Amino acid sequence: MSKIINIPTISLNVTINEIRQLFVIYNNCLENNHEYQNVEFDFLNCTFFSNHSVVFLGGLALFLRKRYSITDVSYINQTPKIADYFKRLGFFDRSTGWTHFPYSDFSLEDIENKKPYHDINILLSSELFPFKTTEIREHIKDTIGELFLNVLQHSNSPAGATASAQYYPSEKIIRFSIVDFGIGIARHIQEYFEQKHHIIVSSEEALLKSFEEGFTTKENASGSGLHAIKDFILLNSGRLSIFCNDIFYQYDGRTKSEIGYKFKGYNFSGTFVIIEFNTQIIYHE
């Protein structure tokens, strides 16, 4: 028995509305999932599907196979434009991808063996990448690598992680996206405080805690991941967006502003991070 999931048009923007649409897809897949063995993502009414949405959908497909033993996931009624976009991203065949970081799924073993670093190096060595010095690029590589290590060390994701990056010339940005379908960073920090300190913290407080310099729930770790990314975003006038559990957080380096939003009726058990590097702001120091 198959379940058909209608895929809407999801724009290039990273806003609450676009993320809510992804959450609806996620929730529809989980609803009564014991009653079907196959999932069909139907693109009949989809005219555009952004890079970060592809990363999310690919991760969701892996999650359904690993966690719920879904036998087959198919992508039906793709328009020629959508089909070509999937091809250029390397979604079905990585060898066809021509982005700076073709769509990839990384198992926990891949992450343990640091396989993502190969793609991270390709992204950072691009002539479009705004940070030019070797020292800073190495720091960014380690920081992005820590996002993958978090999947391995505390997300409990059965499907590892999916990731990709793409340059958008009209927006003058490189957008890097990574998603895992584990317990969510906010929930992980909540459990840490409950077990270690017997303190109850909200999901909003937990997520904000992850940005504090030096904070970590792991032994012998620097705790520099999200804090360092936020610093890079500020230097570069970029943007950082995080969606986990019932929380949406976004920091805009151009305006030095941040917003937080608590979803009601949605709970995404995972962490979705989107980093936008501004290619117009070149940093040489």
Protein backbone atom coordinates (compact mmCIF):
# COMPACT_ATOMS: atom_id res chain seq x y z
CA MET A 1 0.00 0.00 0.00
CA SER A 2 1.31 3.45 -0.97
CA LYS A 3 0.83 6.85 0.57
CA ILE A 4 0.89 9.89 -1.71
CA ILE A 5 2.39 13.08 -0.28
CA ASN A 6 1.65 16.23 -2.28
CA ILE A 7 4.69 18.48 -2.64
CA PRO A 8 3.94 22.22 -2.88
CA THR A 9 6.02 24.93 -4.49
CA ILE A 10 8.63 26.05 -1.97
CA SER A 11 10.45 29.26 -2.81
CA LEU A 12 14.08 30.20 -2.48
CA ASN A 13 13.36 32.17 0.70
CA VAL A 14 14.08 30.77 4.15
CA THR A 15 11.12 32.00 6.17
CA ILE A 16 8.67 30.63 8.69
CA ASN A 17 6.15 29.97 5.93
CA GLU A 18 8.54 27.86 3.84
CA ILE A 19 9.67 25.88 6.86
CA ARG A 20 6.08 25.29 7.92
CA GLN A 21 5.44 23.73 4.50
CA LEU A 22 8.32 21.30 5.08
CA PHE A 23 6.96 20.47 8.52
CA VAL A 24 3.57 19.67 6.97
CA ILE A 25 5.27 17.22 4.58
CA TYR A 26 7.11 15.68 7.54
CA ASN A 27 3.96 15.32 9.64
CA ASN A 28 1.96 13.89 6.73
CA CYS A 29 4.60 11.20 6.24
CA LEU A 30 4.51 10.20 9.91
CA GLU A 31 0.73 10.12 10.17
CA ASN A 32 -0.52 6.51 10.23
CA ASN A 33 2.82 5.38 8.80
CA HIS A 34 2.23 1.80 9.98
CA GLU A 35 -0.52 1.45 7.35
CA TYR A 36 1.66 1.73 4.24
CA GLN A 37 4.92 0.35 2.84
CA ASN A 38 5.62 2.84 0.03
CA VAL A 39 5.68 6.64 -0.18
CA GLU A 40 5.17 8.66 -3.34
CA PHE A 41 6.19 12.32 -3.31
CA ASP A 42 3.92 13.92 -5.90
CA PHE A 43 5.30 17.04 -7.63
CA LEU A 44 2.25 17.64 -9.84
CA ASN A 45 1.55 21.05 -8.26
CA CYS A 46 5.19 22.00 -7.60
CA THR A 47 6.80 24.60 -9.87
CA PHE A 48 9.91 25.28 -7.76
CA PHE A 49 11.68 23.39 -5.01
CA SER A 50 14.67 25.06 -3.34
CA ASN A 51 18.02 23.47 -2.58
CA HIS A 52 17.47 23.39 1.18
CA SER A 53 14.06 21.78 0.61
CA VAL A 54 15.71 19.04 -1.46
CA VAL A 55 18.15 18.38 1.39
CA PHE A 56 15.23 18.10 3.81
CA LEU A 57 13.18 15.83 1.53
CA GLY A 58 16.12 13.53 0.86
CA GLY A 59 16.81 13.23 4.57
CA LEU A 60 13.15 12.52 5.23
CA ALA A 61 13.15 9.71 2.64
CA LEU A 62 16.15 8.08 4.32
CA PHE A 63 14.56 8.51 7.73
CA LEU A 64 11.35 6.79 6.60
CA ARG A 65 13.33 3.84 5.26
CA LYS A 66 15.52 3.49 8.35
CA ARG A 67 13.07 4.22 11.16
CA TYR A 68 9.79 2.97 9.75
CA SER A 69 10.97 0.32 7.27
CA ILE A 70 9.30 2.00 4.32
CA THR A 71 10.17 -0.22 1.36
CA ASP A 72 10.22 2.34 -1.42
CA VAL A 73 10.17 6.14 -1.82
CA SER A 74 9.46 7.53 -5.28
CA TYR A 75 9.21 11.01 -6.80
CA ILE A 76 6.33 11.20 -9.27
CA ASN A 77 4.93 13.77 -11.71
CA GLN A 78 8.10 15.84 -11.85
CA THR A 79 7.97 18.66 -14.38
CA PRO A 80 10.96 18.87 -16.75
CA LYS A 81 12.21 21.85 -14.74
CA ILE A 82 12.03 20.00 -11.43
CA ALA A 83 13.61 16.87 -12.94
CA ASP A 84 16.48 18.93 -14.36
CA TYR A 85 17.00 20.65 -11.01
CA PHE A 86 17.24 17.31 -9.21
CA LYS A 87 19.78 16.20 -11.83
CA ARG A 88 21.93 19.32 -11.42
CA LEU A 89 21.94 18.87 -7.66
CA GLY A 90 23.06 15.27 -8.05
CA PHE A 91 20.02 14.11 -6.08
CA PHE A 92 19.51 10.75 -7.78
CA ASP A 93 23.04 10.42 -9.15
CA ARG A 94 25.79 12.40 -7.48
CA SER A 95 27.93 12.31 -10.63
CA THR A 96 25.42 14.60 -12.41
CA GLY A 97 25.65 17.31 -9.76
CA TRP A 98 27.50 20.50 -10.61
CA THR A 99 26.88 22.56 -7.47
CA HIS A 100 29.70 23.44 -5.07
CA PHE A 101 28.58 20.66 -2.75
CA PRO A 102 26.36 18.14 -4.60
CA TYR A 103 23.51 16.59 -2.64
CA SER A 104 24.93 13.88 -0.40
CA ASP A 105 23.72 11.58 2.31
CA PHE A 106 26.23 10.60 4.97
CA SER A 107 25.87 7.54 7.16
CA LEU A 108 27.16 7.58 10.72
CA GLU A 109 30.16 5.58 9.49
CA ASP A 110 30.83 8.20 6.78
CA ILE A 111 30.80 10.94 9.39
CA GLU A 112 33.05 8.97 11.73
CA ASN A 113 35.54 8.57 8.87
CA LYS A 114 35.25 12.32 8.11
CA LYS A 115 33.97 11.73 4.60
CA PRO A 116 32.05 15.07 4.57
CA TYR A 117 35.35 16.96 4.79
CA HIS A 118 36.05 16.20 1.13
CA ASP A 119 32.94 18.10 0.05
CA ILE A 120 33.52 20.83 2.61
CA ASN A 121 37.00 21.43 1.14
CA ILE A 122 35.54 21.72 -2.36
CA LEU A 123 33.03 24.29 -1.12
CA LEU A 124 35.66 26.35 0.72
CA SER A 125 38.11 26.30 -2.19
CA SER A 126 35.57 27.82 -4.58
CA GLU A 127 36.64 31.19 -6.00
CA LEU A 128 33.21 32.46 -4.96
CA PHE A 129 33.69 31.63 -1.30
CA PRO A 130 34.05 34.97 0.51
CA PHE A 131 36.64 34.00 3.15
CA LYS A 132 40.00 33.92 1.38
CA THR A 133 42.68 33.14 3.98
CA THR A 134 43.74 29.56 4.66
CA GLU A 135 43.50 30.04 8.42
CA ILE A 136 39.90 31.19 8.34
CA ARG A 137 38.88 28.55 5.83
CA GLU A 138 40.37 25.86 8.08
CA HIS A 139 38.42 27.27 11.01
CA ILE A 140 35.19 27.24 8.98
CA LYS A 141 35.93 23.68 7.82
CA ASP A 142 36.31 22.53 11.43
CA THR A 143 33.18 24.40 12.44
CA ILE A 144 31.01 22.90 9.68
CA GLY A 145 32.62 19.55 10.40
CA GLU A 146 31.43 19.87 13.98
CA LEU A 147 27.85 20.02 12.69
CA PHE A 148 28.38 16.58 11.18
CA LEU A 149 30.06 15.30 14.34
CA ASN A 150 27.04 16.42 16.35
CA VAL A 151 24.94 14.05 14.24
CA LEU A 152 27.31 11.22 15.12
CA GLN A 153 27.69 12.02 18.81
CA HIS A 154 24.32 13.08 20.14
CA SER A 155 21.51 13.33 17.59
CA ASN A 156 20.69 9.59 17.58
CA SER A 157 19.71 9.97 13.93
CA PRO A 158 19.02 6.56 12.36
CA ALA A 159 19.65 8.00 8.89
CA GLY A 160 22.86 9.98 9.42
CA ALA A 161 22.65 13.37 7.70
CA THR A 162 22.00 14.90 4.28
CA ALA A 163 23.67 18.05 3.02
CA SER A 164 24.26 20.24 -0.01
CA ALA A 165 25.39 23.73 -0.99
CA GLN A 166 24.53 25.93 -3.94
CA TYR A 167 25.47 29.34 -5.28
CA TYR A 168 22.53 31.63 -6.12
CA PRO A 169 23.85 34.35 -8.47
CA SER A 170 20.72 36.49 -8.26
CA GLU A 171 20.91 36.56 -4.46
CA LYS A 172 24.73 36.67 -4.35
CA ILE A 173 24.84 33.94 -1.71
CA ILE A 174 26.19 30.45 -1.19
CA ARG A 175 23.69 28.46 0.83
CA PHE A 176 24.84 25.40 2.78
CA SER A 177 22.18 23.12 4.28
CA ILE A 178 22.45 20.10 6.55
CA VAL A 179 19.67 18.11 8.22
CA ASP A 180 19.47 15.13 10.52
CA PHE A 181 16.41 13.34 11.82
CA GLY A 182 17.61 12.63 15.33
CA ILE A 183 16.16 14.03 18.56
CA GLY A 184 16.84 17.71 17.80
CA ILE A 185 19.50 19.92 19.36
CA ALA A 186 17.01 21.70 21.63
CA ARG A 187 15.69 18.41 22.99
CA HIS A 188 19.22 17.08 23.44
CA ILE A 189 20.18 20.11 25.56
CA GLN A 190 16.95 19.84 27.55
CA GLU A 191 17.77 16.21 28.37
CA TYR A 192 21.31 17.25 29.35
CA PHE A 193 20.02 19.79 31.89
CA GLU A 194 17.38 17.39 33.20
CA GLN A 195 19.85 14.54 33.73
CA LYS A 196 22.97 16.50 34.71
CA HIS A 197 21.53 19.41 36.67
CA HIS A 198 17.92 18.38 37.35
CA ILE A 199 16.75 21.62 35.71
CA ILE A 200 13.86 22.01 33.30
CA VAL A 201 14.55 24.47 30.47
CA SER A 202 12.28 25.44 27.58
CA SER A 203 13.13 24.55 24.01
CA GLU A 204 13.80 28.25 23.31
CA GLU A 205 16.23 28.48 26.24
CA ALA A 206 17.91 25.25 25.18
CA LEU A 207 18.53 26.39 21.61
CA LEU A 208 19.88 29.78 22.72
CA LYS A 209 22.20 27.96 25.12
CA SER A 210 23.79 26.21 22.15
CA PHE A 211 25.09 29.59 20.92
CA GLU A 212 27.00 30.39 24.10
CA GLU A 213 30.75 30.30 23.63
CA GLY A 214 32.26 27.27 25.34
CA PHE A 215 28.95 25.56 26.05
CA THR A 216 28.95 21.86 25.25
CA THR A 217 27.21 18.72 26.45
CA LYS A 218 30.22 16.60 25.44
CA GLU A 219 33.42 15.91 27.33
CA ASN A 220 36.68 17.16 25.82
CA ALA A 221 34.87 19.34 23.27
CA SER A 222 35.40 23.01 22.47
CA GLY A 223 31.77 24.06 22.32
CA SER A 224 32.60 26.50 19.55
CA GLY A 225 30.33 25.21 16.76
CA LEU A 226 27.23 27.39 16.51
CA HIS A 227 28.89 30.29 18.31
CA ALA A 228 31.69 30.32 15.72
CA ILE A 229 29.26 30.05 12.81
CA LYS A 230 27.36 33.05 14.15
CA ASP A 231 30.63 35.02 14.32
CA PHE A 232 31.40 34.17 10.68
CA ILE A 233 27.89 35.21 9.67
CA LEU A 234 28.34 38.55 11.43
CA LEU A 235 31.68 39.20 9.68
CA ASN A 236 30.24 38.25 6.31
CA SER A 237 26.77 39.85 6.61
CA GLY A 238 25.31 36.41 5.96
CA ARG A 239 22.44 34.59 7.60
CA LEU A 240 21.99 31.54 9.83
CA SER A 241 18.72 29.65 10.21
CA ILE A 242 18.03 26.71 12.52
CA PHE A 243 14.90 24.61 12.84
CA CYS A 244 14.64 21.92 15.48
CA ASN A 245 11.84 20.40 17.51
CA ASP A 246 9.27 23.24 17.72
CA ILE A 247 11.70 26.15 17.32
CA PHE A 248 12.70 28.36 14.39
CA TYR A 249 15.67 30.67 14.91
CA GLN A 250 17.26 33.05 12.43
CA TYR A 251 20.19 35.43 12.77
CA ASP A 252 20.81 38.05 10.06
CA GLY A 253 24.38 39.35 9.96
CA ARG A 254 23.41 42.25 7.70
CA THR A 255 21.03 43.81 10.20
CA LYS A 256 22.55 42.18 13.32
CA SER A 257 19.05 41.05 14.22
CA GLU A 258 17.59 37.75 15.30
CA ILE A 259 14.12 36.28 15.42
CA GLY A 260 12.69 33.27 17.18
CA TYR A 261 9.42 31.53 16.52
CA LYS A 262 7.76 28.65 18.34
CA PHE A 263 5.68 26.38 16.10
CA LYS A 264 2.37 25.32 17.55
CA GLY A 265 1.15 21.88 16.58
CA TYR A 266 4.44 20.87 14.94
CA ASN A 267 7.38 19.02 16.41
CA PHE A 268 10.25 18.15 14.10
CA SER A 269 12.44 15.53 15.74
CA GLY A 270 15.67 16.60 14.13
CA THR A 271 17.89 19.59 13.40
CA PHE A 272 17.96 21.56 10.16
CA VAL A 273 20.75 24.14 9.76
CA ILE A 274 20.99 26.57 6.83
CA ILE A 275 24.04 28.85 6.50
CA GLU A 276 24.10 31.63 3.92
CA PHE A 277 27.46 33.15 2.97
CA ASN A 278 27.32 36.57 1.33
CA THR A 279 29.58 36.44 -1.75
CA GLN A 280 29.66 40.25 -2.02
CA ILE A 281 31.48 40.69 1.28
CA ILE A 282 35.04 39.47 0.77
CA TYR A 283 37.13 38.84 3.87
CA HIS A 284 40.94 38.70 3.39
CA GLU A 285 42.25 39.17 6.92
